[in-house]
Amino acid sequence: MYEFENDDMIDFEGVELQGYVESTYDELVDIFGDPTIGDDMTDAKWVLQFKMPLDEGYSEDCEYVTATIHKEDEWDDDNIPDGIYRWHVSGFDEDAVHCVRTVMGADEEV
């Protein structure tokens, strides 16, 4: 599993949609902590930076991968999912989705 930070100081300007994960809001909170931006699921966004090793050995060489997890559209009181939702995962490349899915234990394509 990759080490990661959930921090509002991570630069995520210029990230683009890379894929999706299906999860409940509560599961995302359990795994990644409270949303980085927003107070609840109506405006939640996680801004994450993963430390991804470049090889399987004991090398300290790594790459830092930025990812955001966020909702697709605006929700109102009548449009908040009670269960599983298809969350957007954005990043600078597809490594963002790989890191999010790996930490969630959900490597399959959504």
PDB file of N, CA and C in Angstrom:
ATOM      1  N   MET A   1       0.850  -1.177   0.000  1.00  0.00           N
ATOM      2  CA  MET A   1       0.000   0.000   0.000  1.00  0.00           C
ATOM      3  C   MET A   1       0.896   1.239   0.000  1.00  0.00           C
ATOM      4  N   TYR A   2       0.434   2.299  -0.602  1.00  0.00           N
ATOM      5  CA  TYR A   2       1.206   3.528  -0.700  1.00  0.00           C
ATOM      6  C   TYR A   2       0.944   4.434   0.499  1.00  0.00           C
ATOM      7  N   GLU A   3       1.995   5.129   0.926  1.00  0.00           N
ATOM      8  CA  GLU A   3       1.820   6.181   1.916  1.00  0.00           C
ATOM      9  C   GLU A   3       1.167   7.360   1.203  1.00  0.00           C
ATOM     10  N   PHE A   4       0.350   8.129   1.945  1.00  0.00           N
ATOM     11  CA  PHE A   4      -0.271   9.295   1.322  1.00  0.00           C
ATOM     12  C   PHE A   4      -0.517  10.384   2.348  1.00  0.00           C
ATOM     13  N   GLU A   5      -0.681  11.590   1.846  1.00  0.00           N
ATOM     14  CA  GLU A   5      -1.063  12.743   2.655  1.00  0.00           C
ATOM     15  C   GLU A   5      -2.382  13.283   2.132  1.00  0.00           C
ATOM     16  N   ASN A   6      -3.201  13.802   3.027  1.00  0.00           N
ATOM     17  CA  ASN A   6      -4.446  14.487   2.704  1.00  0.00           C
ATOM     18  C   ASN A   6      -4.246  15.905   3.226  1.00  0.00           C
ATOM     19  N   ASP A   7      -3.980  16.861   2.324  1.00  0.00           N
ATOM     20  CA  ASP A   7      -3.540  18.184   2.771  1.00  0.00           C
ATOM     21  C   ASP A   7      -4.000  19.259   1.799  1.00  0.00           C
ATOM     22  N   ASP A   8      -4.486  20.376   2.318  1.00  0.00           N
ATOM     23  CA  ASP A   8      -4.947  21.459   1.460  1.00  0.00           C
ATOM     24  C   ASP A   8      -3.796  22.282   0.867  1.00  0.00           C
ATOM     25  N   MET A   9      -2.550  21.967   1.236  1.00  0.00           N
ATOM     26  CA  MET A   9      -1.400  22.671   0.675  1.00  0.00           C
ATOM     27  C   MET A   9      -0.836  21.950  -0.570  1.00  0.00           C
ATOM     28  N   ILE A  10      -1.374  20.799  -0.914  1.00  0.00           N
ATOM     29  CA  ILE A  10      -0.922  20.062  -2.094  1.00  0.00           C
ATOM     30  C   ILE A  10      -1.412  20.802  -3.342  1.00  0.00           C
ATOM     31  N   ASP A  11      -0.497  21.050  -4.271  1.00  0.00           N
ATOM     32  CA  ASP A  11      -0.848  21.754  -5.508  1.00  0.00           C
ATOM     33  C   ASP A  11      -1.565  20.796  -6.456  1.00  0.00           C
ATOM     34  N   PHE A  12      -2.838  21.080  -6.728  1.00  0.00           N
ATOM     35  CA  PHE A  12      -3.594  20.233  -7.647  1.00  0.00           C
ATOM     36  C   PHE A  12      -4.110  21.017  -8.848  1.00  0.00           C
ATOM     37  N   GLU A  13      -3.582  22.218  -9.043  1.00  0.00           N
ATOM     38  CA  GLU A  13      -3.998  23.020 -10.187  1.00  0.00           C
ATOM     39  C   GLU A  13      -3.588  22.321 -11.481  1.00  0.00           C
ATOM     40  N   GLY A  14      -4.523  22.165 -12.389  1.00  0.00           N
ATOM     41  CA  GLY A  14      -4.256  21.559 -13.686  1.00  0.00           C
ATOM     42  C   GLY A  14      -4.534  20.071 -13.768  1.00  0.00           C
ATOM     43  N   VAL A  15      -5.034  19.461 -12.660  1.00  0.00           N
ATOM     44  CA  VAL A  15      -5.359  18.036 -12.753  1.00  0.00           C
ATOM     45  C   VAL A  15      -6.561  17.850 -13.675  1.00  0.00           C
ATOM     46  N   GLU A  16      -6.634  16.671 -14.278  1.00  0.00           N
ATOM     47  CA  GLU A  16      -7.738  16.344 -15.182  1.00  0.00           C
ATOM     48  C   GLU A  16      -8.324  14.997 -14.793  1.00  0.00           C
ATOM     49  N   LEU A  17      -9.563  14.783 -15.173  1.00  0.00           N
ATOM     50  CA  LEU A  17     -10.235  13.516 -14.896  1.00  0.00           C
ATOM     51  C   LEU A  17      -9.426  12.359 -15.475  1.00  0.00           C
ATOM     52  N   GLN A  18      -9.142  11.369 -14.623  1.00  0.00           N
ATOM     53  CA  GLN A  18      -8.386  10.194 -15.057  1.00  0.00           C
ATOM     54  C   GLN A  18      -9.198   8.908 -14.955  1.00  0.00           C
ATOM     55  N   GLY A  19     -10.257   8.922 -14.128  1.00  0.00           N
ATOM     56  CA  GLY A  19     -11.059   7.720 -13.959  1.00  0.00           C
ATOM     57  C   GLY A  19     -12.026   7.879 -12.803  1.00  0.00           C
ATOM     58  N   TYR A  20     -12.507   6.743 -12.309  1.00  0.00           N
ATOM     59  CA  TYR A  20     -13.564   6.747 -11.296  1.00  0.00           C
ATOM     60  C   TYR A  20     -13.306   5.670 -10.243  1.00  0.00           C
ATOM     61  N   VAL A  21     -13.878   5.883  -9.070  1.00  0.00           N
ATOM     62  CA  VAL A  21     -13.973   4.832  -8.060  1.00  0.00           C
ATOM     63  C   VAL A  21     -15.404   4.838  -7.544  1.00  0.00           C
ATOM     64  N   GLU A  22     -15.911   3.652  -7.267  1.00  0.00           N
ATOM     65  CA  GLU A  22     -17.243   3.546  -6.687  1.00  0.00           C
ATOM     66  C   GLU A  22     -17.098   3.268  -5.203  1.00  0.00           C
ATOM     67  N   SER A  23     -17.738   4.113  -4.411  1.00  0.00           N
ATOM     68  CA  SER A  23     -17.591   4.026  -2.965  1.00  0.00           C
ATOM     69  C   SER A  23     -18.683   4.842  -2.302  1.00  0.00           C
ATOM     70  N   THR A  24     -18.843   4.623  -1.021  1.00  0.00           N
ATOM     71  CA  THR A  24     -19.709   5.496  -0.236  1.00  0.00           C
ATOM     72  C   THR A  24     -18.860   6.633   0.329  1.00  0.00           C
ATOM     73  N   TYR A  25     -19.499   7.706   0.669  1.00  0.00           N
ATOM     74  CA  TYR A  25     -18.824   8.828   1.324  1.00  0.00           C
ATOM     75  C   TYR A  25     -18.138   8.346   2.594  1.00  0.00           C
ATOM     76  N   ASP A  26     -18.851   7.557   3.401  1.00  0.00           N
ATOM     77  CA  ASP A  26     -18.292   7.091   4.664  1.00  0.00           C
ATOM     78  C   ASP A  26     -17.045   6.230   4.466  1.00  0.00           C
ATOM     79  N   GLU A  27     -17.030   5.406   3.414  1.00  0.00           N
ATOM     80  CA  GLU A  27     -15.854   4.586   3.143  1.00  0.00           C
ATOM     81  C   GLU A  27     -14.649   5.462   2.790  1.00  0.00           C
ATOM     82  N   LEU A  28     -14.872   6.511   2.005  1.00  0.00           N
ATOM     83  CA  LEU A  28     -13.779   7.426   1.665  1.00  0.00           C
ATOM     84  C   LEU A  28     -13.233   8.111   2.914  1.00  0.00           C
ATOM     85  N   VAL A  29     -14.120   8.505   3.821  1.00  0.00           N
ATOM     86  CA  VAL A  29     -13.680   9.125   5.072  1.00  0.00           C
ATOM     87  C   VAL A  29     -12.878   8.128   5.902  1.00  0.00           C
ATOM     88  N   ASP A  30     -13.343   6.881   5.971  1.00  0.00           N
ATOM     89  CA  ASP A  30     -12.613   5.854   6.734  1.00  0.00           C
ATOM     90  C   ASP A  30     -11.207   5.632   6.179  1.00  0.00           C
ATOM     91  N   ILE A  31     -11.059   5.660   4.864  1.00  0.00           N
ATOM     92  CA  ILE A  31      -9.771   5.361   4.229  1.00  0.00           C
ATOM     93  C   ILE A  31      -8.862   6.581   4.160  1.00  0.00           C
ATOM     94  N   PHE A  32      -9.402   7.725   3.708  1.00  0.00           N
ATOM     95  CA  PHE A  32      -8.577   8.902   3.428  1.00  0.00           C
ATOM     96  C   PHE A  32      -8.708  10.022   4.455  1.00  0.00           C
ATOM     97  N   GLY A  33      -9.597   9.863   5.418  1.00  0.00           N
ATOM     98  CA  GLY A  33      -9.818  10.923   6.401  1.00  0.00           C
ATOM     99  C   GLY A  33     -10.892  11.878   5.923  1.00  0.00           C
ATOM    100  N   ASP A  34     -11.131  12.898   6.714  1.00  0.00           N
ATOM    101  CA  ASP A  34     -12.139  13.891   6.348  1.00  0.00           C
ATOM    102  C   ASP A  34     -11.758  14.563   5.032  1.00  0.00           C
ATOM    103  N   PRO A  35     -12.748  15.043   4.280  1.00  0.00           N
ATOM    104  CA  PRO A  35     -12.436  15.731   3.027  1.00  0.00           C
ATOM    105  C   PRO A  35     -11.465  16.886   3.265  1.00  0.00           C
ATOM    106  N   THR A  36     -10.559  17.085   2.326  1.00  0.00           N
ATOM    107  CA  THR A  36      -9.597  18.177   2.407  1.00  0.00           C
ATOM    108  C   THR A  36     -10.318  19.510   2.259  1.00  0.00           C
ATOM    109  N   ILE A  37     -11.273  19.527   1.355  1.00  0.00           N
ATOM    110  CA  ILE A  37     -12.054  20.727   1.068  1.00  0.00           C
ATOM    111  C   ILE A  37     -13.516  20.360   1.241  1.00  0.00           C
ATOM    112  N   GLY A  38     -14.270  21.198   1.924  1.00  0.00           N
ATOM    113  CA  GLY A  38     -15.690  20.935   2.147  1.00  0.00           C
ATOM    114  C   GLY A  38     -15.920  20.294   3.499  1.00  0.00           C
ATOM    115  N   ASP A  39     -17.125  20.470   4.000  1.00  0.00           N
ATOM    116  CA  ASP A  39     -17.454  19.997   5.336  1.00  0.00           C
ATOM    117  C   ASP A  39     -18.213  18.685   5.358  1.00  0.00           C
ATOM    118  N   ASP A  40     -18.869  18.341   4.267  1.00  0.00           N
ATOM    119  CA  ASP A  40     -19.656  17.117   4.234  1.00  0.00           C
ATOM    120  C   ASP A  40     -19.739  16.626   2.793  1.00  0.00           C
ATOM    121  N   MET A  41     -20.533  15.605   2.558  1.00  0.00           N
ATOM    122  CA  MET A  41     -20.552  15.011   1.228  1.00  0.00           C
ATOM    123  C   MET A  41     -21.130  15.920   0.147  1.00  0.00           C
ATOM    124  N   THR A  42     -21.804  17.001   0.501  1.00  0.00           N
ATOM    125  CA  THR A  42     -22.372  17.867  -0.526  1.00  0.00           C
ATOM    126  C   THR A  42     -21.307  18.666  -1.264  1.00  0.00           C
ATOM    127  N   ASP A  43     -20.151  18.901  -0.637  1.00  0.00           N
ATOM    128  CA  ASP A  43     -19.094  19.662  -1.306  1.00  0.00           C
ATOM    129  C   ASP A  43     -17.710  19.068  -1.030  1.00  0.00           C
ATOM    130  N   ALA A  44     -17.657  17.758  -0.839  1.00  0.00           N
ATOM    131  CA  ALA A  44     -16.414  17.084  -0.450  1.00  0.00           C
ATOM    132  C   ALA A  44     -15.427  16.972  -1.602  1.00  0.00           C
ATOM    133  N   LYS A  45     -14.166  17.207  -1.276  1.00  0.00           N
ATOM    134  CA  LYS A  45     -13.073  16.949  -2.214  1.00  0.00           C
ATOM    135  C   LYS A  45     -11.856  16.544  -1.383  1.00  0.00           C
ATOM    136  N   TRP A  46     -11.280  15.413  -1.751  1.00  0.00           N
ATOM    137  CA  TRP A  46     -10.044  14.964  -1.119  1.00  0.00           C
ATOM    138  C   TRP A  46      -8.894  15.341  -2.037  1.00  0.00           C
ATOM    139  N   VAL A  47      -7.870  15.989  -1.488  1.00  0.00           N
ATOM    140  CA  VAL A  47      -6.665  16.333  -2.225  1.00  0.00           C
ATOM    141  C   VAL A  47      -5.544  15.505  -1.599  1.00  0.00           C
ATOM    142  N   LEU A  48      -5.021  14.571  -2.382  1.00  0.00           N
ATOM    143  CA  LEU A  48      -4.104  13.566  -1.850  1.00  0.00           C
ATOM    144  C   LEU A  48      -2.794  13.564  -2.626  1.00  0.00           C
ATOM    145  N   GLN A  49      -1.725  13.229  -1.913  1.00  0.00           N
ATOM    146  CA  GLN A  49      -0.440  13.013  -2.566  1.00  0.00           C
ATOM    147  C   GLN A  49       0.100  11.673  -2.082  1.00  0.00           C
ATOM    148  N   PHE A  50       0.354  10.788  -3.027  1.00  0.00           N
ATOM    149  CA  PHE A  50       0.824   9.438  -2.738  1.00  0.00           C
ATOM    150  C   PHE A  50       2.323   9.346  -2.987  1.00  0.00           C
ATOM    151  N   LYS A  51       2.992   8.559  -2.164  1.00  0.00           N
ATOM    152  CA  LYS A  51       4.412   8.255  -2.353  1.00  0.00           C
ATOM    153  C   LYS A  51       4.471   6.875  -2.993  1.00  0.00           C
ATOM    154  N   MET A  52       4.822   6.835  -4.289  1.00  0.00           N
ATOM    155  CA  MET A  52       4.807   5.602  -5.050  1.00  0.00           C
ATOM    156  C   MET A  52       6.245   5.158  -5.332  1.00  0.00           C
ATOM    157  N   PRO A  53       6.681   4.029  -4.748  1.00  0.00           N
ATOM    158  CA  PRO A  53       8.045   3.544  -4.999  1.00  0.00           C
ATOM    159  C   PRO A  53       8.262   3.250  -6.480  1.00  0.00           C
ATOM    160  N   LEU A  54       9.472   3.520  -6.958  1.00  0.00           N
ATOM    161  CA  LEU A  54       9.788   3.276  -8.361  1.00  0.00           C
ATOM    162  C   LEU A  54      10.178   1.831  -8.629  1.00  0.00           C
ATOM    163  N   ASP A  55      10.499   1.072  -7.578  1.00  0.00           N
ATOM    164  CA  ASP A  55      10.803  -0.347  -7.751  1.00  0.00           C
ATOM    165  C   ASP A  55      10.361  -1.106  -6.507  1.00  0.00           C
ATOM    166  N   GLU A  56      10.406  -2.409  -6.576  1.00  0.00           N
ATOM    167  CA  GLU A  56       9.914  -3.269  -5.501  1.00  0.00           C
ATOM    168  C   GLU A  56      10.936  -3.495  -4.393  1.00  0.00           C
ATOM    169  N   GLY A  57      12.184  -3.108  -4.615  1.00  0.00           N
ATOM    170  CA  GLY A  57      13.233  -3.357  -3.634  1.00  0.00           C
ATOM    171  C   GLY A  57      13.203  -2.359  -2.488  1.00  0.00           C
ATOM    172  N   TYR A  58      14.339  -2.240  -1.848  1.00  0.00           N
ATOM    173  CA  TYR A  58      14.449  -1.346  -0.697  1.00  0.00           C
ATOM    174  C   TYR A  58      14.928   0.038  -1.086  1.00  0.00           C
ATOM    175  N   SER A  59      14.883   0.351  -2.342  1.00  0.00           N
ATOM    176  CA  SER A  59      15.322   1.650  -2.830  1.00  0.00           C
ATOM    177  C   SER A  59      14.412   2.743  -2.266  1.00  0.00           C
ATOM    178  N   GLU A  60      15.010   3.881  -2.002  1.00  0.00           N
ATOM    179  CA  GLU A  60      14.212   5.010  -1.516  1.00  0.00           C
ATOM    180  C   GLU A  60      13.729   5.886  -2.665  1.00  0.00           C
ATOM    181  N   ASP A  61      14.017   5.469  -3.899  1.00  0.00           N
ATOM    182  CA  ASP A  61      13.550   6.230  -5.050  1.00  0.00           C
ATOM    183  C   ASP A  61      12.033   6.122  -5.138  1.00  0.00           C
ATOM    184  N   CYS A  62      11.374   7.257  -5.270  1.00  0.00           N
ATOM    185  CA  CYS A  62       9.913   7.242  -5.355  1.00  0.00           C
ATOM    186  C   CYS A  62       9.438   8.409  -6.204  1.00  0.00           C
ATOM    187  N   GLU A  63       8.182   8.312  -6.558  1.00  0.00           N
ATOM    188  CA  GLU A  63       7.508   9.354  -7.321  1.00  0.00           C
ATOM    189  C   GLU A  63       6.332   9.822  -6.473  1.00  0.00           C
ATOM    190  N   TYR A  64       6.061  11.116  -6.500  1.00  0.00           N
ATOM    191  CA  TYR A  64       4.911  11.645  -5.781  1.00  0.00           C
ATOM    192  C   TYR A  64       3.773  11.852  -6.770  1.00  0.00           C
ATOM    193  N   VAL A  65       2.629  11.276  -6.464  1.00  0.00           N
ATOM    194  CA  VAL A  65       1.476  11.288  -7.362  1.00  0.00           C
ATOM    195  C   VAL A  65       0.346  12.057  -6.690  1.00  0.00           C
ATOM    196  N   THR A  66      -0.164  13.078  -7.360  1.00  0.00           N
ATOM    197  CA  THR A  66      -1.274  13.881  -6.848  1.00  0.00           C
ATOM    198  C   THR A  66      -2.585  13.355  -7.402  1.00  0.00           C
ATOM    199  N   ALA A  67      -3.589  13.271  -6.526  1.00  0.00           N
ATOM    200  CA  ALA A  67      -4.922  12.834  -6.948  1.00  0.00           C
ATOM    201  C   ALA A  67      -5.969  13.609  -6.169  1.00  0.00           C
ATOM    202  N   THR A  68      -7.091  13.861  -6.813  1.00  0.00           N
ATOM    203  CA  THR A  68      -8.252  14.392  -6.103  1.00  0.00           C
ATOM    204  C   THR A  68      -9.410  13.422  -6.304  1.00  0.00           C
ATOM    205  N   ILE A  69     -10.244  13.324  -5.293  1.00  0.00           N
ATOM    206  CA  ILE A  69     -11.482  12.543  -5.371  1.00  0.00           C
ATOM    207  C   ILE A  69     -12.602  13.535  -5.118  1.00  0.00           C
ATOM    208  N   HIS A  70     -13.569  13.576  -6.025  1.00  0.00           N
ATOM    209  CA  HIS A  70     -14.626  14.580  -5.896  1.00  0.00           C
ATOM    210  C   HIS A  70     -15.882  14.111  -6.606  1.00  0.00           C
ATOM    211  N   LYS A  71     -16.952  14.785  -6.335  1.00  0.00           N
ATOM    212  CA  LYS A  71     -18.232  14.448  -6.961  1.00  0.00           C
ATOM    213  C   LYS A  71     -18.295  15.047  -8.357  1.00  0.00           C
ATOM    214  N   GLU A  72     -19.216  14.533  -9.139  1.00  0.00           N
ATOM    215  CA  GLU A  72     -19.337  14.973 -10.532  1.00  0.00           C
ATOM    216  C   GLU A  72     -20.091  16.288 -10.657  1.00  0.00           C
ATOM    217  N   ASP A  73     -21.121  16.454  -9.880  1.00  0.00           N
ATOM    218  CA  ASP A  73     -21.967  17.622 -10.064  1.00  0.00           C
ATOM    219  C   ASP A  73     -22.433  18.142  -8.707  1.00  0.00           C
ATOM    220  N   GLU A  74     -23.149  19.245  -8.740  1.00  0.00           N
ATOM    221  CA  GLU A  74     -23.670  19.832  -7.513  1.00  0.00           C
ATOM    222  C   GLU A  74     -24.796  18.982  -6.950  1.00  0.00           C
ATOM    223  N   TRP A  75     -24.795  18.824  -5.660  1.00  0.00           N
ATOM    224  CA  TRP A  75     -25.872  18.098  -5.003  1.00  0.00           C
ATOM    225  C   TRP A  75     -26.728  19.076  -4.227  1.00  0.00           C
ATOM    226  N   ASP A  76     -27.971  18.751  -4.116  1.00  0.00           N
ATOM    227  CA  ASP A  76     -28.835  19.483  -3.214  1.00  0.00           C
ATOM    228  C   ASP A  76     -29.455  18.458  -2.278  1.00  0.00           C
ATOM    229  N   ASP A  77     -30.357  18.880  -1.422  1.00  0.00           N
ATOM    230  CA  ASP A  77     -30.923  17.970  -0.425  1.00  0.00           C
ATOM    231  C   ASP A  77     -31.602  16.759  -1.057  1.00  0.00           C
ATOM    232  N   ASP A  78     -32.049  16.881  -2.309  1.00  0.00           N
ATOM    233  CA  ASP A  78     -32.717  15.774  -2.983  1.00  0.00           C
ATOM    234  C   ASP A  78     -31.775  14.935  -3.837  1.00  0.00           C
ATOM    235  N   ASN A  79     -30.488  15.287  -3.891  1.00  0.00           N
ATOM    236  CA  ASN A  79     -29.556  14.628  -4.793  1.00  0.00           C
ATOM    237  C   ASN A  79     -28.262  14.211  -4.085  1.00  0.00           C
ATOM    238  N   ILE A  80     -28.369  13.717  -2.857  1.00  0.00           N
ATOM    239  CA  ILE A  80     -27.211  13.216  -2.125  1.00  0.00           C
ATOM    240  C   ILE A  80     -27.316  11.702  -2.066  1.00  0.00           C
ATOM    241  N   PRO A  81     -26.311  11.006  -2.600  1.00  0.00           N
ATOM    242  CA  PRO A  81     -26.407   9.540  -2.616  1.00  0.00           C
ATOM    243  C   PRO A  81     -26.328   8.962  -1.210  1.00  0.00           C
ATOM    244  N   ASP A  82     -27.191   7.992  -0.935  1.00  0.00           N
ATOM    245  CA  ASP A  82     -27.191   7.340   0.370  1.00  0.00           C
ATOM    246  C   ASP A  82     -26.256   6.145   0.396  1.00  0.00           C
ATOM    247  N   GLY A  83     -25.870   5.661  -0.768  1.00  0.00           N
ATOM    248  CA  GLY A  83     -25.037   4.464  -0.833  1.00  0.00           C
ATOM    249  C   GLY A  83     -23.821   4.699  -1.695  1.00  0.00           C
ATOM    250  N   ILE A  84     -23.569   3.744  -2.561  1.00  0.00           N
ATOM    251  CA  ILE A  84     -22.388   3.811  -3.410  1.00  0.00           C
ATOM    252  C   ILE A  84     -22.579   4.871  -4.491  1.00  0.00           C
ATOM    253  N   TYR A  85     -21.534   5.659  -4.702  1.00  0.00           N
ATOM    254  CA  TYR A  85     -21.537   6.727  -5.695  1.00  0.00           C
ATOM    255  C   TYR A  85     -20.292   6.565  -6.573  1.00  0.00           C
ATOM    256  N   ARG A  86     -20.393   6.967  -7.817  1.00  0.00           N
ATOM    257  CA  ARG A  86     -19.261   6.921  -8.746  1.00  0.00           C
ATOM    258  C   ARG A  86     -18.505   8.250  -8.659  1.00  0.00           C
ATOM    259  N   TRP A  87     -17.433   8.260  -7.866  1.00  0.00           N
ATOM    260  CA  TRP A  87     -16.644   9.460  -7.613  1.00  0.00           C
ATOM    261  C   TRP A  87     -15.614   9.670  -8.726  1.00  0.00           C
ATOM    262  N   HIS A  88     -15.371  10.919  -9.074  1.00  0.00           N
ATOM    263  CA  HIS A  88     -14.336  11.264 -10.051  1.00  0.00           C
ATOM    264  C   HIS A  88     -12.975  11.233  -9.370  1.00  0.00           C
ATOM    265  N   VAL A  89     -11.989  10.707 -10.082  1.00  0.00           N
ATOM    266  CA  VAL A  89     -10.597  10.765  -9.628  1.00  0.00           C
ATOM    267  C   VAL A  89      -9.827  11.554 -10.684  1.00  0.00           C
ATOM    268  N   SER A  90      -9.244  12.663 -10.251  1.00  0.00           N
ATOM    269  CA  SER A  90      -8.463  13.502 -11.160  1.00  0.00           C
ATOM    270  C   SER A  90      -7.004  13.479 -10.740  1.00  0.00           C
ATOM    271  N   GLY A  91      -6.139  13.749 -11.706  1.00  0.00           N
ATOM    272  CA  GLY A  91      -4.708  13.789 -11.440  1.00  0.00           C
ATOM    273  C   GLY A  91      -3.983  14.258 -12.683  1.00  0.00           C
ATOM    274  N   PHE A  92      -2.665  14.219 -12.628  1.00  0.00           N
ATOM    275  CA  PHE A  92      -1.859  14.637 -13.776  1.00  0.00           C
ATOM    276  C   PHE A  92      -1.685  13.504 -14.782  1.00  0.00           C
ATOM    277  N   ASP A  93      -1.880  12.258 -14.328  1.00  0.00           N
ATOM    278  CA  ASP A  93      -1.833  11.100 -15.221  1.00  0.00           C
ATOM    279  C   ASP A  93      -2.587   9.947 -14.561  1.00  0.00           C
ATOM    280  N   GLU A  94      -2.619   8.800 -15.249  1.00  0.00           N
ATOM    281  CA  GLU A  94      -3.419   7.670 -14.764  1.00  0.00           C
ATOM    282  C   GLU A  94      -2.877   7.047 -13.472  1.00  0.00           C
ATOM    283  N   ASP A  95      -1.667   7.405 -13.063  1.00  0.00           N
ATOM    284  CA  ASP A  95      -1.150   6.919 -11.777  1.00  0.00           C
ATOM    285  C   ASP A  95      -2.042   7.361 -10.622  1.00  0.00           C
ATOM    286  N   ALA A  96      -2.750   8.480 -10.788  1.00  0.00           N
ATOM    287  CA  ALA A  96      -3.644   8.973  -9.740  1.00  0.00           C
ATOM    288  C   ALA A  96      -4.721   7.935  -9.423  1.00  0.00           C
ATOM    289  N   VAL A  97      -5.356   7.395 -10.447  1.00  0.00           N
ATOM    290  CA  VAL A  97      -6.404   6.394 -10.258  1.00  0.00           C
ATOM    291  C   VAL A  97      -5.809   5.106  -9.679  1.00  0.00           C
ATOM    292  N   HIS A  98      -4.653   4.711 -10.195  1.00  0.00           N
ATOM    293  CA  HIS A  98      -3.991   3.506  -9.695  1.00  0.00           C
ATOM    294  C   HIS A  98      -3.724   3.623  -8.189  1.00  0.00           C
ATOM    295  N   CYS A  99      -3.201   4.743  -7.741  1.00  0.00           N
ATOM    296  CA  CYS A  99      -2.896   4.922  -6.323  1.00  0.00           C
ATOM    297  C   CYS A  99      -4.162   4.906  -5.470  1.00  0.00           C
ATOM    298  N   VAL A 100      -5.195   5.618  -5.900  1.00  0.00           N
ATOM    299  CA  VAL A 100      -6.454   5.653  -5.142  1.00  0.00           C
ATOM    300  C   VAL A 100      -7.035   4.250  -5.034  1.00  0.00           C
ATOM    301  N   ARG A 101      -7.115   3.541  -6.146  1.00  0.00           N
ATOM    302  CA  ARG A 101      -7.687   2.185  -6.139  1.00  0.00           C
ATOM    303  C   ARG A 101      -6.859   1.221  -5.301  1.00  0.00           C
ATOM    304  N   THR A 102      -5.541   1.343  -5.356  1.00  0.00           N
ATOM    305  CA  THR A 102      -4.679   0.465  -4.586  1.00  0.00           C
ATOM    306  C   THR A 102      -4.912   0.650  -3.090  1.00  0.00           C
ATOM    307  N   VAL A 103      -4.943   1.893  -2.635  1.00  0.00           N
ATOM    308  CA  VAL A 103      -5.170   2.167  -1.222  1.00  0.00           C
ATOM    309  C   VAL A 103      -6.562   1.702  -0.790  1.00  0.00           C
ATOM    310  N   MET A 104      -7.533   1.808  -1.690  1.00  0.00           N
ATOM    311  CA  MET A 104      -8.893   1.371  -1.384  1.00  0.00           C
ATOM    312  C   MET A 104      -9.035  -0.145  -1.475  1.00  0.00           C
ATOM    313  N   GLY A 105      -8.042  -0.823  -2.045  1.00  0.00           N
ATOM    314  CA  GLY A 105      -8.144  -2.273  -2.241  1.00  0.00           C
ATOM    315  C   GLY A 105      -9.088  -2.624  -3.377  1.00  0.00           C
ATOM    316  N   ALA A 106      -9.188  -1.704  -4.346  1.00  0.00           N
ATOM    317  CA  ALA A 106     -10.123  -1.897  -5.464  1.00  0.00           C
ATOM    318  C   ALA A 106      -9.391  -1.630  -6.777  1.00  0.00           C
ATOM    319  N   ASP A 107      -8.497  -2.516  -7.177  1.00  0.00           N
ATOM    320  CA  ASP A 107      -7.692  -2.303  -8.370  1.00  0.00           C
ATOM    321  C   ASP A 107      -8.455  -2.471  -9.676  1.00  0.00           C
ATOM    322  N   GLU A 108      -9.659  -3.005  -9.641  1.00  0.00           N
ATOM    323  CA  GLU A 108     -10.377  -3.239 -10.896  1.00  0.00           C
ATOM    324  C   GLU A 108     -10.854  -1.927 -11.513  1.00  0.00           C
ATOM    325  N   GLU A 109     -11.002  -1.953 -12.840  1.00  0.00           N
ATOM    326  CA  GLU A 109     -11.464  -0.799 -13.609  1.00  0.00           C
ATOM    327  C   GLU A 109     -12.921  -0.529 -13.329  1.00  0.00           C
ATOM    328  N   VAL A 110     -13.266   0.743 -13.137  1.00  0.00           N
ATOM    329  CA  VAL A 110     -14.670   1.125 -12.913  1.00  0.00           C
ATOM    330  C   VAL A 110     -15.136   1.946 -14.085  1.00  0.00           C
TER     331      VAL A 110
END
